[in-house]
Amino acid sequence: MRRAIVSAALAASMLAPGSAAAGDSGLNRFYDEALDWKPCGTADLDDAGAQCADVTVPLDYADPQGRTITVAISRLAATDPSRRRGIMLSNPGGPGGPGLDMQLFLRPDFTPDVLARYDLIGMDPRGVGRSTPIACRWPVAGLRSAGADAPDYAESVATQADLAQRCRNATGDALPHFTTRNTARDMDVIRAALGEQRINYFGGSYGTYLGAVFIQMFPERSDRMVLDSAVDPRRYGITMLRDMGPANEAALDAWAEWTAERDGEYRLGADRGRVRAAVAALIDRANRQPIRIGAHQVDDEVLPALIFDLVANPKTYGVLAAQMRQLTDAADGRPVQPSAELDEKLRGLLAGQPDDSQTWAIMCNDIPAPRDPLEYWNAIEASRSTQPVFGPFVNNIRPCAFWADPIEAPTLVRNASPALILQATGDTRTVYESGVALHRAMTGSRLITAPDQRIHGVFGKVPCPTAAVNAYLADGVLPEGDVTCETS
C-alpha cells in the first residue's frame, strides 16, 4: 500500500502545475506559492546583489497535507533581462553540501553571454544549511578508517552503529524523507514557484547524481544540464566509496614522488618508496600511540581521512607534505603547534561537523547498504596488500549498515535526454569510469574528457571543458560527438 501511495504522488509531482491531476494531488499549494525575496544576510551574497527566499515543500510527497519543511534558495538575476532565457539551478556535491552561494563560485568562469541569459539559483537542499536541517549531533566524523586489526574494526562497528542511532534519536520519523528523490521533487517545486517551465542545471560530484535523478524523474522539465565529475548511478553509495581506493593510492604515489623531489624541505624521504614508507610508519605509530599535536590526538582511524582530503589535488600537495612533517615531528615528541589549516581539519574529523551527518543521512536514505559487519571486514582485509593506506578507509563499515531501509527504490537512470558530462581521467572522488558509465546510461549525453588531470571538478580549472560548457549553455547545442581535450 505504501508503494502505491508513493507511486501516485510521484506521478502527480511530474505533472505541470495547474493541471487537473496536479490539483487533485494536493501539491498545487506548493507549486503556486509566492516567494518572499529578501537580502540573504551574508556578505558575499548580499554584496553580489543576490536575494534569498524560503520555498515551502512537503516533508513527505506521499502526504502533501502533512508536515512541511523549507528549502532555502538564492537568486542572482540575469545581467541582460532582454536576453534572459530562464533559471539555472546548481548543486556543489556531497550529498549534504550547502549550495546557497554556489553561483558565486561558478560566475567567474561563465562568459558574459551565459550570465546575460540565466538567473543563477543557489540552493541548500532539504536537510542542509539554511533549509530545514538534519541535526544528528554526531560527536565524531563518520568517514573514518578501520584501523589495523580486528579489535580496531570492532570499535569502528560500535562507533558507526552509535552514529546511526543518534540520527534516529534526533530526527525521528522525519529522517527517511531526506532523500535525493525528494530533493529532485523540491527542485520541481522551486521551478514552478519561480514561474518557469524548465530547469537548466549545473551539478558537481554528487550534484551530478541529483541532476541525473531529476532528469529521469522530470525529463520534460529538464533543459540544458551540465554534470561535472559524474557519479555512476548504479554504484552510488557504499560501492562508490570502494571505487575510490585504487585512484587514491595512485594519487598518493604521485604525491610521494612530488614530495621526494623536495626532501630538503619536508624531510620525508628522497624517493617515492621512502616517502610512502614514512607515511605507513606514521599510520602504524598512530595505531600504537595516538599522536598528540596541539589539542588533538590523532590515531590511525583519523590519519588516512586527513591524507584522503588533501591528496586529491596537486595544488594541495605542499599542504599535505607540511602536515605529514608536523605530525611526524609530533610523533617524535617534538613540541609542535599545528598550522591553522591542520588544526581546523582535525577539529572537524575528531569532533564532527553538521554536514557530515547530513551526508550520510541522505546517502543511507537513498541506497540500501550491506548489513553484515563481516562483509566489510573481508573487503578491508582483501584490500590491504594493494591499498595499504586507503583500503581500510574506503572499505570500512558506515552508518548505512545500521540504517532503516529506504522508503523508495533507488532511481534507475536510463534515458536519452541531452546533457553535457565532464570528467577528468585522474579524478580520485568520482573515478573516470563513473563518468563513462553515466554517459552510457544517458544516451543523449556528450562526454568531455580532461586527460592527465588529477582533479575533482573540471569546470573553471581546465580551459577546454570550460569552453564547452559555456558554448552549450549559450546556444544549447551539444558537441556532435564525445570530446577528449588536448593534454594540458
Protein backbone atom coordinates (compact mmCIF):
# COMPACT_ATOMS: atom_id res chain seq x y z
CA MET A 1 0.00 0.00 0.00
CA ARG A 2 2.85 2.36 0.88
CA ARG A 3 4.46 1.81 -2.53
CA ALA A 4 1.19 2.57 -4.28
CA ILE A 5 0.83 5.85 -2.40
CA VAL A 6 4.41 6.89 -3.21
CA SER A 7 3.98 5.97 -6.89
CA ALA A 8 0.79 8.01 -7.11
CA ALA A 9 2.46 11.01 -5.50
CA LEU A 10 5.43 10.72 -7.84
CA ALA A 11 3.19 10.62 -10.89
CA ALA A 12 1.34 13.68 -9.67
CA SER A 13 4.56 15.56 -8.93
CA MET A 14 5.68 15.16 -12.54
CA LEU A 15 2.62 16.90 -13.93
CA ALA A 16 2.52 20.56 -14.82
CA PRO A 17 1.22 22.88 -12.10
CA GLY A 18 -2.35 23.86 -12.70
CA SER A 19 -3.34 20.63 -14.47
CA ALA A 20 -6.36 18.78 -13.17
CA ALA A 21 -4.32 15.86 -11.90
CA ALA A 22 -1.84 18.15 -10.17
CA GLY A 23 -4.76 19.85 -8.47
CA ASP A 24 -6.07 16.51 -7.28
CA SER A 25 -2.69 15.58 -5.83
CA GLY A 26 -2.74 18.27 -3.15
CA LEU A 27 0.57 19.71 -4.38
CA ASN A 28 -0.77 22.85 -6.05
CA ARG A 29 -0.33 24.96 -2.94
CA PHE A 30 3.41 24.29 -3.17
CA TYR A 31 3.71 24.77 -6.92
CA ASP A 32 1.74 28.01 -6.79
CA GLU A 33 3.30 29.59 -3.69
CA ALA A 34 4.51 33.19 -3.79
CA LEU A 35 8.10 33.66 -2.66
CA ASP A 36 9.17 36.41 -0.26
CA TRP A 37 12.53 37.64 -1.55
CA LYS A 38 14.83 39.30 0.98
CA PRO A 39 18.51 40.11 1.43
CA CYS A 40 20.41 36.90 2.12
CA GLY A 41 22.06 38.18 5.27
CA THR A 42 25.57 37.06 4.29
CA ALA A 43 28.15 39.49 2.99
CA ASP A 44 29.21 37.50 -0.08
CA LEU A 45 25.69 37.02 -1.43
CA ASP A 46 24.43 40.47 -0.46
CA ASP A 47 27.47 42.18 -1.97
CA ALA A 48 26.89 40.25 -5.19
CA GLY A 49 23.31 41.54 -5.35
CA ALA A 50 21.64 38.21 -4.61
CA GLN A 51 18.30 37.78 -2.90
CA CYS A 52 17.12 34.81 -0.87
CA ALA A 53 13.80 33.11 -0.17
CA ASP A 54 12.44 30.04 1.57
CA VAL A 55 10.40 27.60 -0.51
CA THR A 56 7.85 25.51 1.39
CA VAL A 57 7.71 21.84 0.37
CA PRO A 58 6.09 18.73 1.85
CA LEU A 59 8.31 16.63 4.08
CA ASP A 60 6.64 13.57 2.55
CA TYR A 61 5.35 13.91 -1.01
CA ALA A 62 3.06 10.94 -0.37
CA ASP A 63 1.35 13.05 2.31
CA PRO A 64 1.23 16.61 0.94
CA GLN A 65 -1.28 17.68 3.60
CA GLY A 66 1.13 16.68 6.36
CA ARG A 67 4.23 18.29 7.80
CA THR A 68 6.07 20.86 5.68
CA ILE A 69 9.70 21.93 5.61
CA THR A 70 11.56 24.76 3.89
CA VAL A 71 14.29 24.83 1.25
CA ALA A 72 16.47 27.95 1.13
CA ILE A 73 17.29 29.36 -2.32
CA SER A 74 19.16 32.38 -3.63
CA ARG A 75 18.92 34.25 -6.92
CA LEU A 76 21.37 36.30 -8.96
CA ALA A 77 19.41 37.88 -11.78
CA ALA A 78 20.45 37.57 -15.42
CA THR A 79 22.59 40.55 -16.38
CA ASP A 80 20.53 41.34 -19.51
CA PRO A 81 16.76 40.94 -18.96
CA SER A 82 16.11 41.36 -22.67
CA ARG A 83 18.14 38.19 -23.40
CA ARG A 84 17.08 36.16 -20.36
CA ARG A 85 16.03 32.60 -21.19
CA GLY A 86 15.43 31.06 -17.76
CA ILE A 87 16.89 29.82 -14.49
CA MET A 88 19.97 27.74 -13.76
CA LEU A 89 19.92 25.73 -10.54
CA SER A 90 23.14 24.32 -9.13
CA ASN A 91 24.42 21.84 -6.57
CA PRO A 92 28.05 21.56 -5.39
CA GLY A 93 28.00 17.93 -4.26
CA GLY A 94 28.01 15.99 -1.05
CA PRO A 95 25.44 14.72 -0.52
CA GLY A 96 24.89 17.24 2.21
CA GLY A 97 26.78 20.11 0.60
CA PRO A 98 25.18 23.54 1.05
CA GLY A 99 24.82 25.36 -2.26
CA LEU A 100 23.17 28.67 -1.47
CA ASP A 101 26.29 30.51 -2.68
CA MET A 102 27.47 28.09 -5.35
CA GLN A 103 26.69 30.53 -8.16
CA LEU A 104 29.33 32.86 -6.74
CA PHE A 105 31.95 30.20 -7.46
CA LEU A 106 30.57 29.44 -10.92
CA ARG A 107 30.03 33.01 -12.03
CA PRO A 108 33.69 33.99 -12.65
CA ASP A 109 34.06 31.19 -15.21
CA PHE A 110 30.78 31.78 -17.04
CA THR A 111 31.06 34.02 -20.09
CA PRO A 112 29.15 37.34 -20.18
CA ASP A 113 26.88 35.71 -22.77
CA VAL A 114 25.86 33.00 -20.28
CA LEU A 115 25.45 35.44 -17.40
CA ALA A 116 23.17 37.56 -19.56
CA ARG A 117 20.80 34.64 -20.16
CA TYR A 118 20.22 32.98 -16.79
CA ASP A 119 19.07 33.76 -13.29
CA LEU A 120 21.58 31.78 -11.22
CA ILE A 121 19.76 29.91 -8.46
CA GLY A 122 21.63 28.54 -5.45
CA MET A 123 20.01 26.01 -3.15
CA ASP A 124 20.62 24.41 0.22
CA PRO A 125 18.93 21.03 -0.34
CA ARG A 126 16.44 19.73 2.21
CA GLY A 127 18.21 18.82 5.44
CA VAL A 128 21.20 21.05 4.68
CA GLY A 129 22.43 24.52 5.64
CA ARG A 130 19.65 27.10 5.96
CA SER A 131 16.99 24.67 4.83
CA THR A 132 15.14 22.60 7.45
CA PRO A 133 18.17 20.72 8.81
CA ILE A 134 19.10 17.18 9.68
CA ALA A 135 20.74 17.63 13.08
CA CYS A 136 22.10 14.30 14.32
CA ARG A 137 24.67 15.88 16.69
CA TRP A 138 27.46 13.44 15.90
CA PRO A 139 30.47 13.64 18.22
CA VAL A 140 32.90 12.42 15.53
CA ALA A 141 33.05 12.35 11.74
CA GLY A 142 31.55 9.32 10.02
CA LEU A 143 34.30 8.93 7.40
CA ARG A 144 36.99 7.07 9.33
CA SER A 145 39.43 4.25 8.63
CA ALA A 146 39.01 0.77 10.08
CA GLY A 147 42.38 0.66 11.79
CA ALA A 148 44.99 -2.07 11.80
CA ASP A 149 43.30 -5.14 13.23
CA ALA A 150 40.08 -6.82 14.32
CA PRO A 151 39.82 -5.03 17.71
CA ASP A 152 40.17 -1.67 15.94
CA TYR A 153 37.48 -2.71 13.47
CA ALA A 154 35.18 -3.74 16.32
CA GLU A 155 35.47 -0.19 17.63
CA SER A 156 34.53 1.12 14.18
CA VAL A 157 31.44 -1.09 14.12
CA ALA A 158 30.35 0.23 17.52
CA THR A 159 31.04 3.85 16.50
CA GLN A 160 29.07 3.64 13.25
CA ALA A 161 26.14 1.92 14.97
CA ASP A 162 26.09 4.71 17.53
CA LEU A 163 26.11 7.40 14.83
CA ALA A 164 23.13 5.80 13.11
CA GLN A 165 21.22 5.61 16.40
CA ARG A 166 21.94 9.27 17.11
CA CYS A 167 20.30 10.22 13.82
CA ARG A 168 17.21 8.18 14.65
CA ASN A 169 17.01 9.72 18.11
CA ALA A 170 17.49 13.29 16.89
CA THR A 171 15.30 13.24 13.77
CA GLY A 172 12.68 10.57 14.41
CA ASP A 173 10.02 9.83 11.80
CA ALA A 174 11.18 12.70 9.58
CA LEU A 175 14.58 11.13 8.87
CA PRO A 176 13.66 8.78 5.96
CA HIS A 177 12.28 11.66 3.86
CA PHE A 178 15.63 13.43 3.38
CA THR A 179 16.45 11.78 0.07
CA THR A 180 17.77 12.65 -3.36
CA ARG A 181 14.44 11.79 -4.98
CA ASN A 182 12.65 14.21 -2.67
CA THR A 183 15.26 16.88 -3.37
CA ALA A 184 14.55 16.39 -7.08
CA ARG A 185 10.85 16.90 -6.34
CA ASP A 186 11.78 20.03 -4.36
CA MET A 187 13.62 21.31 -7.43
CA ASP A 188 10.46 20.95 -9.46
CA VAL A 189 8.52 22.92 -6.85
CA ILE A 190 11.23 25.61 -7.00
CA ARG A 191 10.86 25.68 -10.78
CA ALA A 192 7.13 26.20 -10.57
CA ALA A 193 7.35 28.78 -7.76
CA LEU A 194 9.75 30.76 -9.97
CA GLY A 195 7.24 30.63 -12.82
CA GLU A 196 9.44 28.56 -15.13
CA GLN A 197 8.58 25.67 -17.42
CA ARG A 198 12.02 24.04 -17.36
CA ILE A 199 15.22 23.91 -15.34
CA ASN A 200 18.77 24.46 -16.53
CA TYR A 201 21.26 22.94 -14.14
CA PHE A 202 24.92 22.72 -13.15
CA GLY A 203 25.84 19.89 -10.77
CA GLY A 204 29.22 18.82 -9.48
CA SER A 205 30.17 15.47 -7.89
CA TYR A 206 27.07 14.19 -6.02
CA GLY A 207 25.27 17.06 -7.76
CA THR A 208 25.61 15.02 -10.96
CA TYR A 209 23.65 12.21 -9.32
CA LEU A 210 20.98 14.66 -8.19
CA GLY A 211 20.86 16.10 -11.71
CA ALA A 212 20.60 12.64 -13.29
CA VAL A 213 17.79 11.69 -10.90
CA PHE A 214 15.95 14.92 -11.73
CA ILE A 215 16.31 14.26 -15.45
CA GLN A 216 15.00 10.72 -15.02
CA MET A 217 12.03 11.82 -12.90
CA PHE A 218 11.23 15.02 -14.78
CA PRO A 219 12.53 14.71 -18.34
CA GLU A 220 10.03 17.24 -19.70
CA ARG A 221 11.20 19.77 -17.10
CA SER A 222 14.92 19.39 -17.88
CA ASP A 223 16.66 21.80 -20.24
CA ARG A 224 20.42 22.41 -20.53
CA MET A 225 22.06 20.12 -17.98
CA VAL A 226 25.78 20.12 -17.10
CA LEU A 227 27.16 17.29 -14.94
CA ASP A 228 30.76 17.83 -13.79
CA SER A 229 32.73 14.88 -12.29
CA ALA A 230 29.94 12.39 -12.52
CA VAL A 231 28.62 9.66 -10.25
CA ASP A 232 27.70 6.31 -11.77
CA PRO A 233 24.09 5.91 -10.53
CA ARG A 234 24.47 2.13 -10.41
CA ARG A 235 27.40 2.42 -7.98
CA TYR A 236 26.25 5.38 -5.89
CA GLY A 237 26.58 4.64 -2.18
CA ILE A 238 28.97 2.23 -0.48
CA THR A 239 30.20 0.81 -3.80
CA MET A 240 31.13 4.31 -5.00
CA LEU A 241 33.29 4.76 -1.90
CA ARG A 242 35.07 1.45 -2.51
CA ASP A 243 35.83 2.51 -6.09
CA MET A 244 37.93 5.38 -4.72
CA GLY A 245 40.64 3.13 -3.23
CA PRO A 246 42.87 2.45 -6.26
CA ALA A 247 42.58 6.02 -7.58
CA ASN A 248 43.64 7.46 -4.23
CA GLU A 249 46.58 5.07 -3.87
CA ALA A 250 47.73 6.22 -7.33
CA ALA A 251 47.34 9.83 -6.22
CA LEU A 252 49.36 9.08 -3.09
CA ASP A 253 52.13 7.71 -5.30
CA ALA A 254 52.12 10.93 -7.31
CA TRP A 255 52.23 12.99 -4.11
CA ALA A 256 55.07 10.86 -2.73
CA GLU A 257 57.10 11.44 -5.88
CA TRP A 258 56.43 15.19 -5.69
CA THR A 259 57.42 15.24 -2.01
CA ALA A 260 60.59 13.22 -2.61
CA GLU A 261 61.76 15.87 -5.08
CA ARG A 262 61.52 18.35 -2.17
CA ASP A 263 63.14 16.24 0.50
CA GLY A 264 65.26 19.15 1.65
CA GLU A 265 62.09 20.97 2.68
CA TYR A 266 59.87 18.19 4.03
CA ARG A 267 62.42 15.52 5.05
CA LEU A 268 60.06 12.61 4.39
CA GLY A 269 62.29 10.66 2.01
CA ALA A 270 64.41 11.15 -1.09
CA ASP A 271 62.41 8.80 -3.34
CA ARG A 272 58.79 7.77 -3.71
CA GLY A 273 59.23 4.47 -1.87
CA ARG A 274 60.77 6.13 1.16
CA VAL A 275 58.02 8.74 1.33
CA ARG A 276 55.38 6.00 1.15
CA ALA A 277 57.23 4.10 3.86
CA ALA A 278 57.28 7.23 6.04
CA VAL A 279 53.51 7.57 5.70
CA ALA A 280 52.98 3.89 6.50
CA ALA A 281 55.23 4.19 9.55
CA LEU A 282 53.33 7.26 10.74
CA ILE A 283 49.99 5.45 10.46
CA ASP A 284 51.46 2.49 12.37
CA ARG A 285 52.75 4.78 15.10
CA ALA A 286 49.34 6.44 15.34
CA ASN A 287 47.87 2.97 15.87
CA ARG A 288 50.27 2.08 18.66
CA GLN A 289 50.08 5.50 20.32
CA PRO A 290 47.82 8.36 19.13
CA ILE A 291 49.86 11.36 18.07
CA ARG A 292 49.34 14.37 20.29
CA ILE A 293 49.51 17.64 18.36
CA GLY A 294 48.08 20.82 19.84
CA ALA A 295 44.76 19.94 21.47
CA HIS A 296 44.31 16.81 19.32
CA GLN A 297 45.15 13.14 19.46
CA VAL A 298 45.43 11.61 16.00
CA ASP A 299 45.05 7.84 15.65
CA ASP A 300 45.13 5.53 12.65
CA GLU A 301 41.38 5.89 12.11
CA VAL A 302 41.73 9.64 11.54
CA LEU A 303 45.11 9.94 9.79
CA PRO A 304 44.03 8.29 6.48
CA ALA A 305 41.00 10.60 6.36
CA LEU A 306 43.32 13.59 6.65
CA ILE A 307 45.51 12.30 3.82
CA PHE A 308 42.45 11.48 1.68
CA ASP A 309 41.27 15.07 1.85
CA LEU A 310 44.50 16.57 0.52
CA VAL A 311 45.84 14.01 -1.95
CA ALA A 312 43.02 14.71 -4.41
CA ASN A 313 44.56 17.81 -5.97
CA PRO A 314 48.19 18.53 -6.87
CA LYS A 315 47.65 22.11 -5.69
CA THR A 316 47.40 20.81 -2.09
CA TYR A 317 50.44 18.52 -2.23
CA GLY A 318 52.53 21.05 -0.34
CA VAL A 319 49.89 21.38 2.38
CA LEU A 320 49.79 17.60 2.81
CA ALA A 321 53.58 17.31 2.92
CA ALA A 322 53.82 20.05 5.53
CA GLN A 323 51.13 18.39 7.65
CA MET A 324 52.87 15.00 7.45
CA ARG A 325 56.06 16.71 8.59
CA GLN A 326 54.24 18.34 11.53
CA LEU A 327 52.65 15.04 12.56
CA THR A 328 55.96 13.18 12.25
CA ASP A 329 57.67 15.75 14.44
CA ALA A 330 54.85 15.49 16.99
CA ALA A 331 55.12 11.69 16.97
CA ASP A 332 58.86 12.09 17.65
CA GLY A 333 57.99 14.06 20.77
CA ARG A 334 58.94 17.48 19.47
CA PRO A 335 56.78 20.43 20.56
CA VAL A 336 54.60 21.22 17.55
CA GLN A 337 51.85 23.77 17.17
CA PRO A 338 49.62 22.64 14.28
CA SER A 339 49.06 25.06 11.45
CA ALA A 340 45.69 26.79 11.42
CA GLU A 341 44.59 24.63 8.49
CA LEU A 342 45.61 21.38 10.19
CA ASP A 343 44.02 22.45 13.46
CA GLU A 344 40.71 23.21 11.73
CA LYS A 345 40.72 19.93 9.81
CA LEU A 346 41.44 17.87 12.89
CA ARG A 347 38.64 19.61 14.78
CA GLY A 348 36.24 18.54 12.06
CA LEU A 349 37.48 14.95 11.94
CA LEU A 350 37.65 14.49 15.69
CA ALA A 351 34.60 16.47 16.78
CA GLY A 352 32.30 16.09 13.79
CA GLN A 353 30.65 18.69 11.60
CA PRO A 354 26.93 19.28 10.93
CA ASP A 355 27.19 18.46 7.24
CA ASP A 356 28.90 15.14 8.00
CA SER A 357 25.74 13.57 9.42
CA GLN A 358 23.74 15.15 6.60
CA THR A 359 25.97 13.45 4.03
CA TRP A 360 25.40 10.03 5.49
CA ALA A 361 21.73 10.54 6.26
CA ILE A 362 20.94 11.35 2.63
CA MET A 363 23.10 8.57 1.21
CA CYS A 364 21.80 5.96 3.65
CA ASN A 365 18.22 7.02 2.91
CA ASP A 366 18.89 6.68 -0.84
CA ILE A 367 20.63 3.33 -1.17
CA PRO A 368 20.50 0.19 0.99
CA ALA A 369 23.87 -0.96 2.30
CA PRO A 370 25.18 -4.38 3.34
CA ARG A 371 24.27 -5.19 6.96
CA ASP A 372 26.83 -7.84 7.86
CA PRO A 373 29.97 -6.37 9.50
CA LEU A 374 31.90 -9.42 8.33
CA GLU A 375 31.35 -8.41 4.69
CA TYR A 376 33.09 -5.08 5.30
CA TRP A 377 35.90 -6.74 7.26
CA ASN A 378 36.57 -9.20 4.44
CA ALA A 379 36.75 -6.31 1.96
CA ILE A 380 39.13 -4.43 4.24
CA GLU A 381 41.46 -7.40 4.61
CA ALA A 382 41.39 -8.14 0.87
CA SER A 383 42.36 -4.56 0.07
CA ARG A 384 45.37 -4.16 2.36
CA SER A 385 48.01 -5.56 0.03
CA THR A 386 47.21 -3.25 -2.90
CA GLN A 387 45.64 -0.34 -0.99
CA PRO A 388 47.66 -0.13 2.25
CA VAL A 389 46.59 3.42 3.16
CA PHE A 390 43.13 3.73 1.68
CA GLY A 391 41.83 0.15 1.60
CA PRO A 392 40.82 0.13 5.28
CA PHE A 393 39.44 3.65 4.78
CA VAL A 394 37.18 3.23 1.75
CA ASN A 395 36.02 -0.29 2.69
CA ASN A 396 35.22 0.46 6.32
CA ILE A 397 31.72 -0.04 7.68
CA ARG A 398 29.47 3.05 7.63
CA PRO A 399 26.33 4.21 9.44
CA CYS A 400 24.28 2.93 6.48
CA ALA A 401 24.86 -0.63 7.73
CA PHE A 402 22.65 0.22 10.71
CA TRP A 403 20.07 2.33 8.87
CA ALA A 404 16.42 1.66 8.15
CA ASP A 405 15.61 0.52 4.63
CA PRO A 406 14.97 3.37 2.16
CA ILE A 407 11.30 4.23 1.66
CA GLU A 408 11.76 4.20 -2.13
CA ALA A 409 13.81 2.11 -4.51
CA PRO A 410 16.90 3.78 -5.99
CA THR A 411 16.38 5.63 -9.24
CA LEU A 412 17.24 3.67 -12.36
CA VAL A 413 18.84 6.24 -14.64
CA ARG A 414 18.35 5.25 -18.26
CA ASN A 415 17.24 7.84 -20.80
CA ALA A 416 18.13 9.71 -23.97
CA SER A 417 17.90 13.21 -22.52
CA PRO A 418 20.63 15.64 -23.59
CA ALA A 419 23.33 16.58 -21.09
CA LEU A 420 26.99 17.58 -21.04
CA ILE A 421 29.19 15.38 -18.81
CA LEU A 422 32.71 16.47 -17.78
CA GLN A 423 35.25 14.01 -16.38
CA ALA A 424 38.95 14.05 -15.53
CA THR A 425 40.86 10.82 -16.04
CA GLY A 426 42.67 11.12 -12.70
CA ASP A 427 39.66 12.01 -10.52
CA THR A 428 40.02 10.45 -7.06
CA ARG A 429 36.45 11.07 -5.89
CA THR A 430 34.26 10.14 -8.85
CA VAL A 431 36.61 7.99 -10.86
CA TYR A 432 36.77 8.36 -14.63
CA GLU A 433 34.86 5.14 -15.24
CA SER A 434 31.88 6.53 -13.37
CA GLY A 435 31.54 9.40 -15.82
CA VAL A 436 31.76 6.94 -18.71
CA ALA A 437 29.03 4.83 -17.09
CA LEU A 438 26.67 7.79 -16.65
CA HIS A 439 27.29 8.74 -20.28
CA ARG A 440 26.29 5.21 -21.35
CA ALA A 441 23.15 5.36 -19.22
CA MET A 442 22.19 8.73 -20.73
CA THR A 443 22.47 8.02 -24.43
CA GLY A 444 21.68 11.60 -25.44
CA SER A 445 24.62 13.00 -23.46
CA ARG A 446 28.10 14.01 -24.59
CA LEU A 447 31.25 13.25 -22.60
CA ILE A 448 34.07 15.80 -22.37
CA THR A 449 37.25 14.09 -21.13
CA ALA A 450 40.07 16.03 -19.45
CA PRO A 451 43.08 13.67 -19.81
CA ASP A 452 46.02 13.51 -17.40
CA GLN A 453 44.22 15.65 -14.86
CA ARG A 454 44.12 14.56 -11.20
CA ILE A 455 41.32 16.88 -10.17
CA HIS A 456 37.75 16.63 -9.00
CA GLY A 457 35.63 19.34 -10.59
CA VAL A 458 36.75 20.24 -14.11
CA PHE A 459 34.83 23.42 -14.92
CA GLY A 460 36.90 26.54 -14.36
CA LYS A 461 40.11 24.51 -13.94
CA VAL A 462 40.68 23.17 -17.45
CA PRO A 463 40.11 25.51 -20.44
CA CYS A 464 38.69 23.02 -22.95
CA PRO A 465 35.78 21.66 -20.83
CA THR A 466 35.10 25.15 -19.51
CA ALA A 467 34.71 26.47 -23.05
CA ALA A 468 32.43 23.54 -23.94
CA VAL A 469 30.13 24.32 -21.00
CA ASN A 470 29.86 27.99 -21.91
CA ALA A 471 29.13 27.19 -25.54
CA TYR A 472 26.42 24.69 -24.61
CA LEU A 473 24.75 27.00 -22.10
CA ALA A 474 24.84 29.88 -24.59
CA ASP A 475 23.46 28.15 -27.67
CA GLY A 476 22.03 24.85 -26.40
CA VAL A 477 23.89 22.76 -28.97
CA LEU A 478 25.83 19.75 -27.71
CA PRO A 479 29.06 18.72 -29.48
CA GLU A 480 28.45 16.34 -32.38
CA GLY A 481 30.32 13.61 -30.51
CA ASP A 482 32.33 13.00 -27.39
CA VAL A 483 35.44 15.17 -26.96
CA THR A 484 38.83 14.36 -25.47
CA CYS A 485 40.62 17.60 -24.75
CA GLU A 486 44.29 18.06 -25.51
CA THR A 487 46.63 17.29 -22.63
CA SER A 488 47.49 20.46 -20.74
